[in-house]
Protein backbone atom coordinates (compact mmCIF):
# COMPACT_ATOMS: atom_id res chain seq x y z
CA MET A 1 79.42 212.36 165.37
CA LYS A 2 76.10 212.88 163.64
CA ALA A 3 77.35 211.37 160.39
CA ILE A 4 78.47 208.25 162.22
CA LEU A 5 75.08 207.94 164.13
CA LEU A 6 73.25 208.43 160.77
CA ALA A 7 75.31 205.71 159.04
CA ALA A 8 74.65 203.28 161.86
CA LEU A 9 70.80 203.80 161.68
CA LEU A 10 70.87 203.26 157.94
CA ALA A 11 72.84 200.07 158.24
CA ALA A 12 70.45 198.67 160.85
CA SER A 13 67.39 199.52 158.95
CA THR A 14 68.78 197.84 155.77
CA HIS A 15 69.47 194.63 157.80
CA PHE A 16 65.93 194.73 159.18
CA LEU A 17 64.31 194.99 155.73
CA GLN A 18 66.47 192.17 154.33
CA ALA A 19 65.39 190.01 157.21
CA GLN A 20 61.64 190.57 156.31
CA GLN A 21 62.05 189.32 152.69
CA PRO A 22 60.73 185.78 152.37
CA GLY A 23 63.16 183.15 151.02
CA PRO A 24 62.46 180.39 148.67
CA ARG A 25 60.07 177.62 150.06
CA ILE A 26 61.76 174.28 150.08
CA PHE A 27 60.97 170.71 151.07
CA GLN A 28 63.33 167.99 152.22
CA PRO A 29 61.88 164.50 151.25
CA PRO A 30 63.72 161.55 152.62
CA GLY A 31 66.85 160.73 150.65
CA ALA A 32 66.58 163.69 148.36
CA GLY A 33 68.25 167.18 148.28
CA ALA A 34 66.30 170.46 148.78
CA GLU A 35 63.79 171.14 146.12
CA ILE A 36 61.79 174.37 145.34
CA LEU A 37 58.06 173.72 145.95
CA ASN A 38 56.84 176.20 143.43
CA GLU A 39 58.58 174.80 140.46
CA GLU A 40 56.26 174.58 137.48
CA LEU A 41 56.03 171.35 135.43
CA PRO A 42 56.85 171.79 131.70
CA ARG A 43 53.98 171.83 129.46
CA PHE A 44 53.71 170.08 126.10
CA ASP A 45 51.56 168.70 123.33
CA ILE A 46 51.06 165.02 122.73
CA ASP A 47 49.35 163.00 120.16
CA PHE A 48 49.43 159.29 121.22
CA PRO A 49 47.97 156.65 118.84
CA GLY A 50 47.64 154.09 121.56
CA GLY A 51 49.92 151.33 122.82
CA ASN A 52 51.76 149.97 125.83
CA PRO A 53 53.15 152.04 128.70
CA HIS A 54 56.75 152.04 127.24
CA GLU A 55 55.43 153.51 124.02
CA PHE A 56 53.40 156.01 125.93
CA VAL A 57 56.38 157.21 127.97
CA GLY A 58 58.49 157.35 124.80
CA GLU A 59 55.79 159.67 123.27
CA ILE A 60 55.95 161.97 126.30
CA GLN A 61 59.68 162.15 126.18
CA HIS A 62 59.59 163.08 122.50
CA ALA A 63 57.06 165.71 123.29
CA LEU A 64 59.19 167.21 126.08
CA LYS A 65 62.31 167.27 124.00
CA LYS A 66 60.40 169.50 121.50
CA VAL A 67 59.97 171.99 124.28
CA SER A 68 63.47 171.80 125.66
CA GLU A 69 66.40 169.44 125.44
CA ASP A 70 66.80 169.87 129.25
CA PHE A 71 63.25 168.30 129.96
CA TYR A 72 62.87 164.63 130.76
CA ILE A 73 60.60 162.19 132.73
CA ASN A 74 61.45 159.53 135.16
CA VAL A 75 59.19 156.50 134.94
CA ILE A 76 59.35 152.86 136.34
CA ILE A 77 57.23 150.25 134.54
CA PRO A 78 57.09 146.83 136.25
CA GLU A 79 57.42 143.88 133.86
CA ASP A 80 54.03 142.43 134.77
CA ALA A 81 52.34 145.71 133.73
CA ALA A 82 54.33 146.41 130.60
CA SER A 83 51.78 144.83 128.20
CA GLU A 84 48.82 146.93 129.45
CA ASN A 85 47.11 148.63 126.39
CA LEU A 86 46.64 152.28 126.87
CA PRO A 87 43.99 154.32 124.81
CA ALA A 88 44.83 156.81 122.07
CA LEU A 89 44.86 160.44 123.24
CA LYS A 90 45.55 163.88 121.80
CA MET A 91 46.17 166.77 124.25
CA ARG A 92 47.52 170.34 124.12
CA ASN A 93 49.39 172.39 126.62
CA VAL A 94 49.39 169.78 129.42
CA ASP A 95 51.89 168.79 132.07
CA ALA A 96 52.72 165.25 133.21
CA SER A 97 50.57 165.32 136.26
CA GLU A 98 47.52 166.51 134.44
CA LEU A 99 48.03 163.91 131.77
CA PHE A 100 48.51 161.07 134.22
CA LYS A 101 45.56 162.06 136.29
CA ALA A 102 43.21 162.20 133.21
CA LEU A 103 44.56 158.79 131.94
CA GLU A 104 43.84 157.12 135.26
CA MET A 105 40.40 158.57 135.48
CA ALA A 106 39.66 157.32 131.85
CA SER A 107 40.76 153.77 132.90
CA THR A 108 38.08 153.49 135.68
CA ARG A 109 34.85 152.11 134.38
CA GLN A 110 32.10 149.67 135.35
CA THR A 111 29.98 147.54 132.95
CA PRO A 112 26.81 145.57 133.67
CA PHE A 113 27.06 141.74 133.81
CA PRO A 114 25.33 140.11 130.87
CA GLN A 115 23.05 138.11 133.13
CA GLY A 116 19.35 137.94 133.81
CA GLY A 117 17.30 139.07 136.76
CA GLY A 118 17.59 137.70 140.30
CA MET A 119 21.23 138.97 140.77
CA PRO A 120 22.20 141.09 143.87
CA PRO A 121 21.62 144.80 143.11
CA GLY A 122 24.66 146.84 142.12
CA MET A 123 25.24 150.07 140.48
CA TYR A 124 23.75 150.84 137.01
CA GLY A 125 20.13 151.05 137.99
CA GLY A 126 20.15 147.85 140.28
CA MET A 127 22.00 145.67 137.74
CA PRO A 128 25.11 143.87 138.91
CA VAL A 129 28.40 145.31 137.62
CA GLN A 130 31.88 144.08 136.93
CA GLN A 131 34.89 146.22 137.53
CA THR A 132 37.72 146.50 134.88
CA PRO A 133 41.37 146.80 135.75
CA ARG A 134 42.36 150.32 136.84
CA TYR A 135 45.92 151.72 135.87
CA GLY A 136 47.90 154.89 136.22
CA PHE A 137 51.13 156.61 136.80
CA ARG A 138 51.72 157.69 140.38
CA THR A 139 54.46 159.35 142.42
CA ALA A 140 55.29 159.82 146.02
CA GLY A 141 55.83 163.35 147.66
CA PRO A 142 55.51 166.76 146.09
CA ILE A 143 55.37 166.72 142.32
CA THR A 144 58.44 168.36 140.62
CA PRO A 145 60.12 168.04 137.10
CA ARG A 146 62.37 165.39 138.71
CA SER A 147 59.58 163.31 140.34
CA ILE A 148 59.90 159.55 139.71
CA TRP A 149 56.56 158.07 138.49
CA PHE A 150 55.70 154.45 138.61
CA PHE A 151 53.11 152.65 136.52
CA GLN A 152 50.62 150.51 138.45
CA VAL A 153 47.68 148.21 137.45
CA GLU A 154 45.04 147.43 140.03
CA GLN A 155 42.99 144.33 139.25
CA PRO A 156 39.38 144.32 140.41
CA GLN A 157 38.55 142.33 143.52
CA LYS A 158 36.92 138.93 142.67
CA THR A 159 33.53 138.57 144.14
CA ALA A 160 32.37 135.40 145.86
CA SER A 161 30.49 132.88 143.78
CA THR A 162 26.81 133.24 143.94
CA LYS A 163 26.02 129.78 142.49
CA THR A 164 23.08 127.92 143.88
CA VAL A 165 20.94 124.84 143.16
CA ARG A 166 17.25 124.66 142.14
CA TYR A 167 14.84 121.96 141.32
CA PHE A 168 12.10 122.15 138.66
CA GLN A 169 9.34 119.60 138.22
CA LEU A 170 8.94 118.78 134.55
CA ALA A 171 6.26 116.11 134.68
CA PRO A 172 3.45 118.51 133.52
CA TYR A 173 5.53 119.45 130.52
CA LEU A 174 6.57 116.06 129.36
CA THR A 175 3.09 115.20 128.10
CA GLU A 176 3.81 117.41 125.09
CA PHE A 177 7.59 117.92 125.06
CA THR A 178 10.68 115.81 125.55
CA MET A 179 13.48 116.60 127.91
CA ASP A 180 15.54 117.32 124.85
CA ASP A 181 13.01 119.91 123.64
CA ILE A 182 12.99 121.71 127.02
CA GLY A 183 16.83 121.57 127.47
CA SER A 184 17.50 122.95 124.11
CA ALA A 185 15.08 125.87 124.70
CA ILE A 186 16.78 126.72 127.99
CA GLU A 187 20.37 126.47 126.40
CA ALA A 188 19.26 128.65 123.35
CA GLY A 189 19.08 131.70 125.77
CA TRP A 190 22.34 130.90 127.34
CA ASN A 191 23.99 130.57 123.94
CA MET A 192 22.82 134.10 122.95
CA LEU A 193 24.44 135.41 126.12
CA GLY A 194 27.55 133.44 125.30
CA GLU A 195 27.40 131.60 128.58
CA LYS A 196 26.19 128.18 127.60
CA HIS A 197 28.42 126.32 130.06
CA ALA A 198 27.88 128.69 133.06
CA THR A 199 25.09 126.42 134.46
CA LYS A 200 24.88 122.68 134.76
CA LEU A 201 21.55 120.78 134.11
CA ASN A 202 20.71 117.20 135.21
CA PHE A 203 17.45 115.52 134.67
CA HIS A 204 16.37 112.85 137.26
CA GLN A 205 14.26 110.25 135.34
CA ASP A 206 12.45 108.62 138.24
CA THR A 207 11.22 111.94 139.83
CA LYS A 208 11.05 113.94 136.60
CA LEU A 209 12.99 116.65 138.35
CA LEU A 210 15.35 119.00 136.54
CA ILE A 211 18.37 119.78 138.84
CA ALA A 212 20.12 123.02 137.86
CA VAL A 213 23.21 124.53 139.49
CA GLY A 214 24.41 128.00 138.46
CA GLU A 215 24.01 131.82 138.97
CA PRO A 216 20.54 132.94 140.18
CA GLY A 217 19.97 134.94 136.94
CA HIS A 218 20.52 131.79 134.84
CA LEU A 219 18.29 129.74 136.97
CA GLU A 220 15.58 132.49 136.69
CA MET A 221 15.74 131.93 132.95
CA ILE A 222 14.70 128.36 133.34
CA SER A 223 11.56 129.48 135.24
CA SER A 224 10.83 131.74 132.33
CA VAL A 225 11.11 128.92 129.74
CA LEU A 226 8.89 126.73 131.86
CA LYS A 227 6.37 129.54 132.30
CA GLU A 228 6.11 130.14 128.60
CA LEU A 229 5.83 126.47 127.80
CA GLY A 230 2.95 126.23 130.31
CA ALA A 231 1.17 129.20 128.70
CA GLY A 232 1.46 127.58 125.31
CA MET A 233 0.01 124.28 126.61
CA THR A 234 -3.14 125.91 128.06
CA ASN A 235 -3.81 127.78 124.87
CA ARG A 236 -4.16 124.79 122.57
CA PRO A 237 -6.12 121.44 122.71
CA PRO A 238 -4.45 118.35 124.27
CA SER A 239 -2.46 116.15 122.00
CA ASN A 240 -0.86 112.79 122.17
CA PRO A 241 2.26 112.64 124.23
CA LYS A 242 5.36 113.19 122.16
CA PRO A 243 7.70 110.19 122.15
CA ASN A 244 10.97 110.56 123.71
CA LYS A 245 13.80 110.87 121.24
CA ASN A 246 16.35 109.16 123.56
CA PRO A 247 15.86 105.81 125.35
CA GLU A 248 15.23 106.04 128.98
CA GLN A 249 18.27 105.83 131.34
CA PRO A 250 18.36 103.31 134.18
CA PRO A 251 16.26 104.45 137.22
CA SER A 252 17.78 107.00 139.49
CA GLN A 253 20.39 107.88 137.04
CA PRO A 254 20.33 111.68 136.43
CA ARG A 255 21.00 112.78 132.77
CA ALA A 256 23.36 115.66 132.20
CA PHE A 257 23.20 118.21 129.42
């Protein structure tokens, strides 16, 4: 009788201990079978010389096969993003998640607009900035060796145009300079910025007004040119008016540059 009771107690305690042992943690994403959460991604070395996303994924697959023939990566690359140029990179002992995160962070950058003052303040010490396209490989749900990654390119949002119109009285300057002299001096600065046609100029003969339409930074450059011309005129003795190189246009007809 004692032996039977002892066996029963031993069986009960064994069942209790087994019930206390934690089982594997699993998740059940929609449309997928049970997967173990604590699976580790395979680690590999990669030396990518740069190229498009398909070439990049091919290099990853080649690196995974060096570790094990059983390793692979699932990636979807939309046709409209297949020509994106990815930078060269060389990494050791990384997994796909770490690699893709670093690549996306490297693609995010901001550069100042090559324009003069007078623009709305942005980042980079008050200078306006332009965003570059951001790209990366992303996946939904928990990350496992069987995750499906998709390549995505996010284009920067276009900002509203800040073009405006300003008028400049040129009569005081035309006693020593022609309109062509003034216009060429203004356009010389725009040429150096590579933005000659970003602003339009018209000269109204009757009123001697220069009418300019463009970004505030470009219009501010016109003010700078006229200021420097005026400073030069006050520092030298008066001279005879310089003849206009071009015949006058009919009254009230603005002249474009």
